[in-house]
Amino acid sequence: MLPIRTQLRSCQHLLRKFCSSESRRTPRRIIYRNVTIHLKNTILLLLIFLLFISCQTDNVLNGTWVSSHDYSKEDTTFGMIGIPPQDIMTLKDGDYIWNRYLNNNIRSWKGTFKIKSDTLVFDENQESKFPIFSRSSNELKFDRGGGVIEVYKKVAESLKYRSNRNINLVGETYILKTEDEIIDTLIFRNDSIVEWTSDRDESGSNRWLLTDHNNFKVLFIPWIGQSIIYQVEHGNLQMVIYEKNSAKVELRKIE
């Protein structure tokens, strides 16, 4: 049997060895645990970030957009190459409402949209796709193919029609004017035909339609372009015409 002192030394040696071994293993477990937690947090933050970016990308397009003009990529100075479809659409958090004026009728669509690889995709199952050529906070351009770019302009929320007063154009005559010049005289013969004359002794007639879209008053007249009526003062209509160079104009009533 070993002496007591020898047994104590042996026990102390074993204890030191055990503690030393534990001290080497414990930090590894702690490091592993910390790294695991860090990776989980990083992955979670990355997923949240990607989701946020995705939502932000779609939300950038939130608002009401109106088609204004087309142009050719080969010659941007040429301006309009034809009258584009008269469209107005509202995009809101992945949902859309789209109105198109064609042959004096309004066609309407509703559904969902997404942005995929710089393409605006409407109703994914129907594969209605619009490749985005470029976009900004107030202008959206689609590549229609064949070198043609279609331009949509964002309609300011301040142009919503907030009056309770009804707008009745039938049987009325107006002067279409800017601050500097008179453009045309318009005679709304009935609920579908408008006649116009200019100071250059030009005249003609066309169809017209006044409709509501997302609390905007939209006046469709093909040769003028789409117009948003935002105010009526003493029978005179204040509005914005959306074309290549959009402008505020007035329809001044002739008594």
C-alpha atoms as a PDB file:
ATOM      1  CA  MET A   1       0.000   0.000   0.000  1.00  0.00           C
ATOM      2  CA  LEU A   2       1.341   3.437  -0.993  1.00  0.00           C
ATOM      3  CA  PRO A   3       2.086   6.029   1.641  1.00  0.00           C
ATOM      4  CA  ILE A   4      -0.579   8.689   2.205  1.00  0.00           C
ATOM      5  CA  ARG A   5       1.678  11.453   0.866  1.00  0.00           C
ATOM      6  CA  THR A   6       2.288   9.503  -2.347  1.00  0.00           C
ATOM      7  CA  GLN A   7      -1.448   8.867  -2.803  1.00  0.00           C
ATOM      8  CA  LEU A   8      -2.175  12.590  -2.340  1.00  0.00           C
ATOM      9  CA  ARG A   9       0.429  13.529  -4.939  1.00  0.00           C
ATOM     10  CA  SER A  10      -1.069  11.004  -7.339  1.00  0.00           C
ATOM     11  CA  CYS A  11      -4.572  12.391  -6.787  1.00  0.00           C
ATOM     12  CA  GLN A  12      -3.340  15.953  -7.305  1.00  0.00           C
ATOM     13  CA  HIS A  13      -1.661  14.901 -10.560  1.00  0.00           C
ATOM     14  CA  LEU A  14      -4.834  13.258 -11.841  1.00  0.00           C
ATOM     15  CA  LEU A  15      -6.918  16.286 -10.856  1.00  0.00           C
ATOM     16  CA  ARG A  16      -4.569  18.676 -12.642  1.00  0.00           C
ATOM     17  CA  LYS A  17      -4.626  16.448 -15.729  1.00  0.00           C
ATOM     18  CA  PHE A  18      -8.437  16.303 -15.718  1.00  0.00           C
ATOM     19  CA  CYS A  19      -8.835  20.024 -15.225  1.00  0.00           C
ATOM     20  CA  SER A  20      -6.268  20.717 -17.931  1.00  0.00           C
ATOM     21  CA  SER A  21      -8.124  18.457 -20.351  1.00  0.00           C
ATOM     22  CA  GLU A  22     -11.471  20.103 -19.528  1.00  0.00           C
ATOM     23  CA  SER A  23      -9.984  23.554 -19.892  1.00  0.00           C
ATOM     24  CA  ARG A  24      -8.807  22.631 -23.391  1.00  0.00           C
ATOM     25  CA  ARG A  25     -12.157  21.167 -24.435  1.00  0.00           C
ATOM     26  CA  THR A  26     -14.469  23.813 -22.953  1.00  0.00           C
ATOM     27  CA  PRO A  27     -13.255  26.748 -25.087  1.00  0.00           C
ATOM     28  CA  ARG A  28     -13.740  24.651 -28.218  1.00  0.00           C
ATOM     29  CA  ARG A  29     -17.329  23.925 -27.293  1.00  0.00           C
ATOM     30  CA  ILE A  30     -17.884  27.599 -26.538  1.00  0.00           C
ATOM     31  CA  ILE A  31     -16.247  28.679 -29.798  1.00  0.00           C
ATOM     32  CA  TYR A  32     -18.269  26.126 -31.772  1.00  0.00           C
ATOM     33  CA  ARG A  33     -21.460  27.260 -30.107  1.00  0.00           C
ATOM     34  CA  ASN A  34     -20.665  30.948 -30.719  1.00  0.00           C
ATOM     35  CA  VAL A  35     -19.748  30.321 -34.360  1.00  0.00           C
ATOM     36  CA  THR A  36     -22.968  28.346 -34.873  1.00  0.00           C
ATOM     37  CA  ILE A  37     -25.062  31.116 -33.330  1.00  0.00           C
ATOM     38  CA  HIS A  38     -23.202  33.720 -35.400  1.00  0.00           C
ATOM     39  CA  LEU A  39     -23.784  31.808 -38.639  1.00  0.00           C
ATOM     40  CA  LYS A  40     -27.468  31.349 -37.855  1.00  0.00           C
ATOM     41  CA  ASN A  41     -27.839  35.066 -37.131  1.00  0.00           C
ATOM     42  CA  THR A  42     -25.924  35.962 -40.283  1.00  0.00           C
ATOM     43  CA  ILE A  43     -28.116  33.712 -42.441  1.00  0.00           C
ATOM     44  CA  LEU A  44     -31.264  35.132 -40.834  1.00  0.00           C
ATOM     45  CA  LEU A  45     -30.098  38.703 -41.384  1.00  0.00           C
ATOM     46  CA  LEU A  46     -29.209  37.875 -45.001  1.00  0.00           C
ATOM     47  CA  LEU A  47     -32.657  36.415 -45.636  1.00  0.00           C
ATOM     48  CA  ILE A  48     -34.320  39.454 -44.069  1.00  0.00           C
ATOM     49  CA  PHE A  49     -32.115  41.747 -46.166  1.00  0.00           C
ATOM     50  CA  LEU A  50     -32.936  39.903 -49.394  1.00  0.00           C
ATOM     51  CA  LEU A  51     -36.645  39.992 -48.553  1.00  0.00           C
ATOM     52  CA  PHE A  52     -36.374  43.700 -47.797  1.00  0.00           C
ATOM     53  CA  ILE A  53     -34.570  44.383 -51.063  1.00  0.00           C
ATOM     54  CA  SER A  54     -37.163  42.375 -52.976  1.00  0.00           C
ATOM     55  CA  CYS A  55     -40.009  44.306 -51.372  1.00  0.00           C
ATOM     56  CA  GLN A  56     -38.243  47.625 -51.928  1.00  0.00           C
ATOM     57  CA  THR A  57     -37.650  46.764 -55.594  1.00  0.00           C
ATOM     58  CA  ASP A  58     -41.353  46.158 -56.143  1.00  0.00           C
ATOM     59  CA  ASN A  59     -42.401  49.118 -54.006  1.00  0.00           C
ATOM     60  CA  VAL A  60     -40.266  51.509 -56.050  1.00  0.00           C
ATOM     61  CA  LEU A  61     -42.942  51.154 -58.741  1.00  0.00           C
ATOM     62  CA  ASN A  62     -45.825  51.895 -56.381  1.00  0.00           C
ATOM     63  CA  GLY A  63     -48.021  54.635 -57.811  1.00  0.00           C
ATOM     64  CA  THR A  64     -50.017  55.519 -60.920  1.00  0.00           C
ATOM     65  CA  TRP A  65     -48.304  55.538 -64.329  1.00  0.00           C
ATOM     66  CA  VAL A  66     -49.575  56.848 -67.645  1.00  0.00           C
ATOM     67  CA  SER A  67     -48.213  56.067 -71.123  1.00  0.00           C
ATOM     68  CA  SER A  68     -46.872  59.230 -72.735  1.00  0.00           C
ATOM     69  CA  HIS A  69     -44.885  58.455 -75.905  1.00  0.00           C
ATOM     70  CA  ASP A  70     -42.643  56.089 -77.840  1.00  0.00           C
ATOM     71  CA  TYR A  71     -39.207  56.605 -79.300  1.00  0.00           C
ATOM     72  CA  SER A  72     -36.601  54.661 -81.234  1.00  0.00           C
ATOM     73  CA  LYS A  73     -33.368  53.567 -79.548  1.00  0.00           C
ATOM     74  CA  GLU A  74     -31.548  54.353 -82.780  1.00  0.00           C
ATOM     75  CA  ASP A  75     -32.752  57.965 -82.836  1.00  0.00           C
ATOM     76  CA  THR A  76     -33.851  59.388 -79.477  1.00  0.00           C
ATOM     77  CA  THR A  77     -34.170  62.883 -80.958  1.00  0.00           C
ATOM     78  CA  PHE A  78     -36.957  61.737 -83.280  1.00  0.00           C
ATOM     79  CA  GLY A  79     -39.531  61.860 -80.522  1.00  0.00           C
ATOM     80  CA  MET A  80     -42.828  60.081 -80.961  1.00  0.00           C
ATOM     81  CA  ILE A  81     -42.859  57.402 -83.637  1.00  0.00           C
ATOM     82  CA  GLY A  82     -46.592  56.924 -83.369  1.00  0.00           C
ATOM     83  CA  ILE A  83     -49.460  57.200 -80.930  1.00  0.00           C
ATOM     84  CA  PRO A  84     -48.791  54.643 -78.182  1.00  0.00           C
ATOM     85  CA  PRO A  85     -51.570  52.724 -76.474  1.00  0.00           C
ATOM     86  CA  GLN A  86     -53.351  55.094 -74.111  1.00  0.00           C
ATOM     87  CA  ASP A  87     -52.768  53.235 -70.880  1.00  0.00           C
ATOM     88  CA  ILE A  88     -52.956  54.171 -67.238  1.00  0.00           C
ATOM     89  CA  MET A  89     -51.986  51.711 -64.518  1.00  0.00           C
ATOM     90  CA  THR A  90     -51.689  51.738 -60.744  1.00  0.00           C
ATOM     91  CA  LEU A  91     -49.156  49.470 -59.041  1.00  0.00           C
ATOM     92  CA  LYS A  92     -49.471  48.910 -55.306  1.00  0.00           C
ATOM     93  CA  ASP A  93     -47.535  46.360 -53.219  1.00  0.00           C
ATOM     94  CA  GLY A  94     -47.660  43.622 -55.842  1.00  0.00           C
ATOM     95  CA  ASP A  95     -51.214  44.356 -57.100  1.00  0.00           C
ATOM     96  CA  TYR A  96     -52.158  46.284 -60.219  1.00  0.00           C
ATOM     97  CA  ILE A  97     -55.118  47.948 -61.927  1.00  0.00           C
ATOM     98  CA  TRP A  98     -54.686  48.665 -65.635  1.00  0.00           C
ATOM     99  CA  ASN A  99     -57.004  50.663 -67.915  1.00  0.00           C
ATOM    100  CA  ARG A 100     -56.527  50.980 -71.674  1.00  0.00           C
ATOM    101  CA  TYR A 101     -58.438  53.384 -73.906  1.00  0.00           C
ATOM    102  CA  LEU A 102     -59.074  51.846 -77.321  1.00  0.00           C
ATOM    103  CA  ASN A 103     -61.754  52.666 -79.901  1.00  0.00           C
ATOM    104  CA  ASN A 104     -63.650  54.829 -77.403  1.00  0.00           C
ATOM    105  CA  ASN A 105     -63.841  51.976 -74.928  1.00  0.00           C
ATOM    106  CA  ILE A 106     -62.013  51.228 -71.711  1.00  0.00           C
ATOM    107  CA  ARG A 107     -60.556  47.796 -71.163  1.00  0.00           C
ATOM    108  CA  SER A 108     -59.611  46.999 -67.585  1.00  0.00           C
ATOM    109  CA  TRP A 109     -57.438  44.375 -65.951  1.00  0.00           C
ATOM    110  CA  LYS A 110     -56.634  43.573 -62.325  1.00  0.00           C
ATOM    111  CA  GLY A 111     -54.156  41.135 -60.857  1.00  0.00           C
ATOM    112  CA  THR A 112     -50.695  40.777 -59.387  1.00  0.00           C
ATOM    113  CA  PHE A 113     -47.233  41.701 -60.627  1.00  0.00           C
ATOM    114  CA  LYS A 114     -43.616  40.919 -59.842  1.00  0.00           C
ATOM    115  CA  ILE A 115     -40.215  42.116 -60.974  1.00  0.00           C
ATOM    116  CA  LYS A 116     -38.026  39.323 -62.289  1.00  0.00           C
ATOM    117  CA  SER A 117     -34.641  39.971 -63.878  1.00  0.00           C
ATOM    118  CA  ASP A 118     -35.538  43.566 -64.812  1.00  0.00           C
ATOM    119  CA  THR A 119     -38.853  42.447 -66.279  1.00  0.00           C
ATOM    120  CA  LEU A 120     -42.261  43.528 -65.045  1.00  0.00           C
ATOM    121  CA  VAL A 121     -44.360  40.367 -65.004  1.00  0.00           C
ATOM    122  CA  PHE A 122     -48.154  40.655 -64.798  1.00  0.00           C
ATOM    123  CA  ASP A 123     -50.232  37.669 -63.712  1.00  0.00           C
ATOM    124  CA  GLU A 124     -47.365  35.193 -63.749  1.00  0.00           C
ATOM    125  CA  ASN A 125     -49.506  32.309 -64.996  1.00  0.00           C
ATOM    126  CA  GLN A 126     -50.446  34.318 -68.106  1.00  0.00           C
ATOM    127  CA  GLU A 127     -46.829  35.296 -68.835  1.00  0.00           C
ATOM    128  CA  SER A 128     -47.554  38.945 -69.626  1.00  0.00           C
ATOM    129  CA  LYS A 129     -44.044  40.384 -69.516  1.00  0.00           C
ATOM    130  CA  PHE A 130     -42.659  43.880 -70.045  1.00  0.00           C
ATOM    131  CA  PRO A 131     -38.848  44.116 -70.188  1.00  0.00           C
ATOM    132  CA  ILE A 132     -37.745  47.239 -68.297  1.00  0.00           C
ATOM    133  CA  PHE A 133     -35.338  49.356 -70.349  1.00  0.00           C
ATOM    134  CA  SER A 134     -34.778  51.861 -67.526  1.00  0.00           C
ATOM    135  CA  ARG A 135     -36.613  53.342 -64.564  1.00  0.00           C
ATOM    136  CA  SER A 136     -36.468  56.254 -62.178  1.00  0.00           C
ATOM    137  CA  SER A 137     -38.727  57.740 -59.525  1.00  0.00           C
ATOM    138  CA  ASN A 138     -40.917  59.433 -62.156  1.00  0.00           C
ATOM    139  CA  GLU A 139     -40.318  57.609 -65.442  1.00  0.00           C
ATOM    140  CA  LEU A 140     -40.579  53.986 -66.514  1.00  0.00           C
ATOM    141  CA  LYS A 141     -39.415  52.746 -69.915  1.00  0.00           C
ATOM    142  CA  PHE A 142     -40.303  49.405 -71.494  1.00  0.00           C
ATOM    143  CA  ASP A 143     -38.483  47.747 -74.366  1.00  0.00           C
ATOM    144  CA  ARG A 144     -41.232  46.807 -76.816  1.00  0.00           C
ATOM    145  CA  GLY A 145     -38.828  45.125 -79.207  1.00  0.00           C
ATOM    146  CA  GLY A 146     -37.732  46.215 -82.662  1.00  0.00           C
ATOM    147  CA  GLY A 147     -35.780  49.084 -81.145  1.00  0.00           C
ATOM    148  CA  VAL A 148     -38.909  50.797 -79.789  1.00  0.00           C
ATOM    149  CA  ILE A 149     -39.045  52.146 -76.244  1.00  0.00           C
ATOM    150  CA  GLU A 150     -42.411  52.922 -74.615  1.00  0.00           C
ATOM    151  CA  VAL A 151     -42.367  55.584 -71.909  1.00  0.00           C
ATOM    152  CA  TYR A 152     -44.645  55.799 -68.883  1.00  0.00           C
ATOM    153  CA  LYS A 153     -44.653  58.795 -66.564  1.00  0.00           C
ATOM    154  CA  LYS A 154     -45.632  58.772 -62.922  1.00  0.00           C
ATOM    155  CA  VAL A 155     -48.696  60.791 -61.954  1.00  0.00           C
ATOM    156  CA  ALA A 156     -48.250  62.889 -58.824  1.00  0.00           C
ATOM    157  CA  GLU A 157     -50.639  62.090 -55.981  1.00  0.00           C
ATOM    158  CA  SER A 158     -51.378  65.821 -55.748  1.00  0.00           C
ATOM    159  CA  LEU A 159     -53.246  65.583 -59.074  1.00  0.00           C
ATOM    160  CA  LYS A 160     -56.026  63.416 -57.665  1.00  0.00           C
ATOM    161  CA  TYR A 161     -59.444  64.963 -58.165  1.00  0.00           C
ATOM    162  CA  ARG A 162     -60.632  65.891 -54.674  1.00  0.00           C
ATOM    163  CA  SER A 163     -63.733  67.917 -55.550  1.00  0.00           C
ATOM    164  CA  ASN A 164     -67.304  66.666 -55.254  1.00  0.00           C
ATOM    165  CA  ARG A 165     -68.247  68.686 -58.332  1.00  0.00           C
ATOM    166  CA  ASN A 166     -69.211  66.601 -61.374  1.00  0.00           C
ATOM    167  CA  ILE A 167     -67.481  67.358 -64.668  1.00  0.00           C
ATOM    168  CA  ASN A 168     -69.883  67.531 -67.627  1.00  0.00           C
ATOM    169  CA  LEU A 169     -68.271  68.346 -70.973  1.00  0.00           C
ATOM    170  CA  VAL A 170     -71.156  67.440 -73.282  1.00  0.00           C
ATOM    171  CA  GLY A 171     -72.382  70.431 -75.290  1.00  0.00           C
ATOM    172  CA  GLU A 172     -69.611  72.695 -73.980  1.00  0.00           C
ATOM    173  CA  THR A 173     -66.935  74.635 -75.851  1.00  0.00           C
ATOM    174  CA  TYR A 174     -63.439  75.192 -74.454  1.00  0.00           C
ATOM    175  CA  ILE A 175     -60.190  76.823 -75.437  1.00  0.00           C
ATOM    176  CA  LEU A 176     -57.205  74.567 -74.821  1.00  0.00           C
ATOM    177  CA  LYS A 177     -54.332  76.808 -73.758  1.00  0.00           C
ATOM    178  CA  THR A 178     -51.034  76.971 -71.948  1.00  0.00           C
ATOM    179  CA  GLU A 179     -49.791  80.005 -70.057  1.00  0.00           C
ATOM    180  CA  ASP A 180     -48.333  81.385 -73.288  1.00  0.00           C
ATOM    181  CA  GLU A 181     -50.531  80.316 -76.169  1.00  0.00           C
ATOM    182  CA  ILE A 182     -53.888  79.024 -77.353  1.00  0.00           C
ATOM    183  CA  ILE A 183     -53.574  75.542 -78.822  1.00  0.00           C
ATOM    184  CA  ASP A 184     -57.052  74.534 -80.009  1.00  0.00           C
ATOM    185  CA  THR A 185     -60.747  75.191 -79.602  1.00  0.00           C
ATOM    186  CA  LEU A 186     -62.654  72.090 -78.524  1.00  0.00           C
ATOM    187  CA  ILE A 187     -66.378  71.530 -78.974  1.00  0.00           C
ATOM    188  CA  PHE A 188     -67.750  68.457 -77.183  1.00  0.00           C
ATOM    189  CA  ARG A 189     -70.691  67.682 -79.470  1.00  0.00           C
ATOM    190  CA  ASN A 190     -71.968  64.703 -77.510  1.00  0.00           C
ATOM    191  CA  ASP A 191     -70.781  62.031 -75.104  1.00  0.00           C
ATOM    192  CA  SER A 192     -68.309  60.573 -77.594  1.00  0.00           C
ATOM    193  CA  ILE A 193     -67.393  63.110 -80.324  1.00  0.00           C
ATOM    194  CA  VAL A 194     -65.235  66.214 -79.900  1.00  0.00           C
ATOM    195  CA  GLU A 195     -64.502  68.689 -82.721  1.00  0.00           C
ATOM    196  CA  TRP A 196     -61.431  70.885 -82.779  1.00  0.00           C
ATOM    197  CA  THR A 197     -60.127  73.869 -84.678  1.00  0.00           C
ATOM    198  CA  SER A 198     -56.782  75.624 -84.504  1.00  0.00           C
ATOM    199  CA  ASP A 199     -55.540  79.105 -85.284  1.00  0.00           C
ATOM    200  CA  ARG A 200     -53.827  77.578 -88.337  1.00  0.00           C
ATOM    201  CA  ASP A 201     -57.234  76.948 -89.940  1.00  0.00           C
ATOM    202  CA  GLU A 202     -56.954  73.249 -89.212  1.00  0.00           C
ATOM    203  CA  SER A 203     -59.911  71.287 -87.941  1.00  0.00           C
ATOM    204  CA  GLY A 204     -61.089  67.777 -87.306  1.00  0.00           C
ATOM    205  CA  SER A 205     -63.010  65.539 -84.963  1.00  0.00           C
ATOM    206  CA  ASN A 206     -62.309  62.521 -82.848  1.00  0.00           C
ATOM    207  CA  ARG A 207     -63.672  60.443 -80.024  1.00  0.00           C
ATOM    208  CA  TRP A 208     -63.197  61.288 -76.385  1.00  0.00           C
ATOM    209  CA  LEU A 209     -63.842  59.705 -73.031  1.00  0.00           C
ATOM    210  CA  LEU A 210     -63.716  60.923 -69.437  1.00  0.00           C
ATOM    211  CA  THR A 211     -63.197  58.250 -66.799  1.00  0.00           C
ATOM    212  CA  ASP A 212     -62.006  57.685 -63.237  1.00  0.00           C
ATOM    213  CA  HIS A 213     -58.916  55.757 -62.252  1.00  0.00           C
ATOM    214  CA  ASN A 214     -57.676  55.498 -58.669  1.00  0.00           C
ATOM    215  CA  ASN A 215     -59.299  58.876 -57.832  1.00  0.00           C
ATOM    216  CA  PHE A 216     -57.779  60.529 -60.909  1.00  0.00           C
ATOM    217  CA  LYS A 217     -59.991  62.120 -63.583  1.00  0.00           C
ATOM    218  CA  VAL A 218     -58.588  60.935 -66.904  1.00  0.00           C
ATOM    219  CA  LEU A 219     -59.534  62.588 -70.189  1.00  0.00           C
ATOM    220  CA  PHE A 220     -58.728  60.506 -73.283  1.00  0.00           C
ATOM    221  CA  ILE A 221     -58.457  62.408 -76.584  1.00  0.00           C
ATOM    222  CA  PRO A 222     -56.173  60.586 -79.051  1.00  0.00           C
ATOM    223  CA  TRP A 223     -54.446  63.538 -80.735  1.00  0.00           C
ATOM    224  CA  ILE A 224     -53.892  65.412 -77.485  1.00  0.00           C
ATOM    225  CA  GLY A 225     -52.702  62.549 -75.331  1.00  0.00           C
ATOM    226  CA  GLN A 226     -53.905  61.456 -71.946  1.00  0.00           C
ATOM    227  CA  SER A 227     -54.774  64.260 -69.556  1.00  0.00           C
ATOM    228  CA  ILE A 228     -55.359  64.325 -65.817  1.00  0.00           C
ATOM    229  CA  ILE A 229     -57.955  66.878 -64.693  1.00  0.00           C
ATOM    230  CA  TYR A 230     -57.117  67.912 -61.147  1.00  0.00           C
ATOM    231  CA  GLN A 231     -59.126  71.074 -60.528  1.00  0.00           C
ATOM    232  CA  VAL A 232     -62.173  73.015 -61.739  1.00  0.00           C
ATOM    233  CA  GLU A 233     -62.337  76.784 -61.191  1.00  0.00           C
ATOM    234  CA  HIS A 234     -65.310  78.827 -62.459  1.00  0.00           C
ATOM    235  CA  GLY A 235     -66.025  76.176 -65.078  1.00  0.00           C
ATOM    236  CA  ASN A 236     -62.404  76.121 -66.283  1.00  0.00           C
ATOM    237  CA  LEU A 237     -60.519  72.822 -66.073  1.00  0.00           C
ATOM    238  CA  GLN A 238     -56.904  72.654 -64.900  1.00  0.00           C
ATOM    239  CA  MET A 239     -55.101  69.565 -66.157  1.00  0.00           C
ATOM    240  CA  VAL A 240     -51.781  67.985 -67.118  1.00  0.00           C
ATOM    241  CA  ILE A 241     -51.254  66.522 -70.592  1.00  0.00           C
ATOM    242  CA  TYR A 242     -48.883  63.554 -70.623  1.00  0.00           C
ATOM    243  CA  GLU A 243     -46.772  63.369 -73.757  1.00  0.00           C
ATOM    244  CA  LYS A 244     -43.049  63.646 -74.561  1.00  0.00           C
ATOM    245  CA  ASN A 245     -42.935  67.071 -72.922  1.00  0.00           C
ATOM    246  CA  SER A 246     -45.732  66.980 -70.379  1.00  0.00           C
ATOM    247  CA  ALA A 247     -47.276  70.303 -69.467  1.00  0.00           C
ATOM    248  CA  LYS A 248     -49.965  71.912 -67.359  1.00  0.00           C
ATOM    249  CA  VAL A 249     -52.751  73.333 -69.509  1.00  0.00           C
ATOM    250  CA  GLU A 250     -56.194  74.818 -69.083  1.00  0.00           C
ATOM    251  CA  LEU A 251     -59.510  74.107 -70.724  1.00  0.00           C
ATOM    252  CA  ARG A 252     -61.093  77.574 -70.515  1.00  0.00           C
ATOM    253  CA  LYS A 253     -64.830  77.497 -70.919  1.00  0.00           C
ATOM    254  CA  ILE A 254     -66.459  79.716 -73.559  1.00  0.00           C
ATOM    255  CA  GLU A 255     -69.886  80.912 -72.484  1.00  0.00           C
END
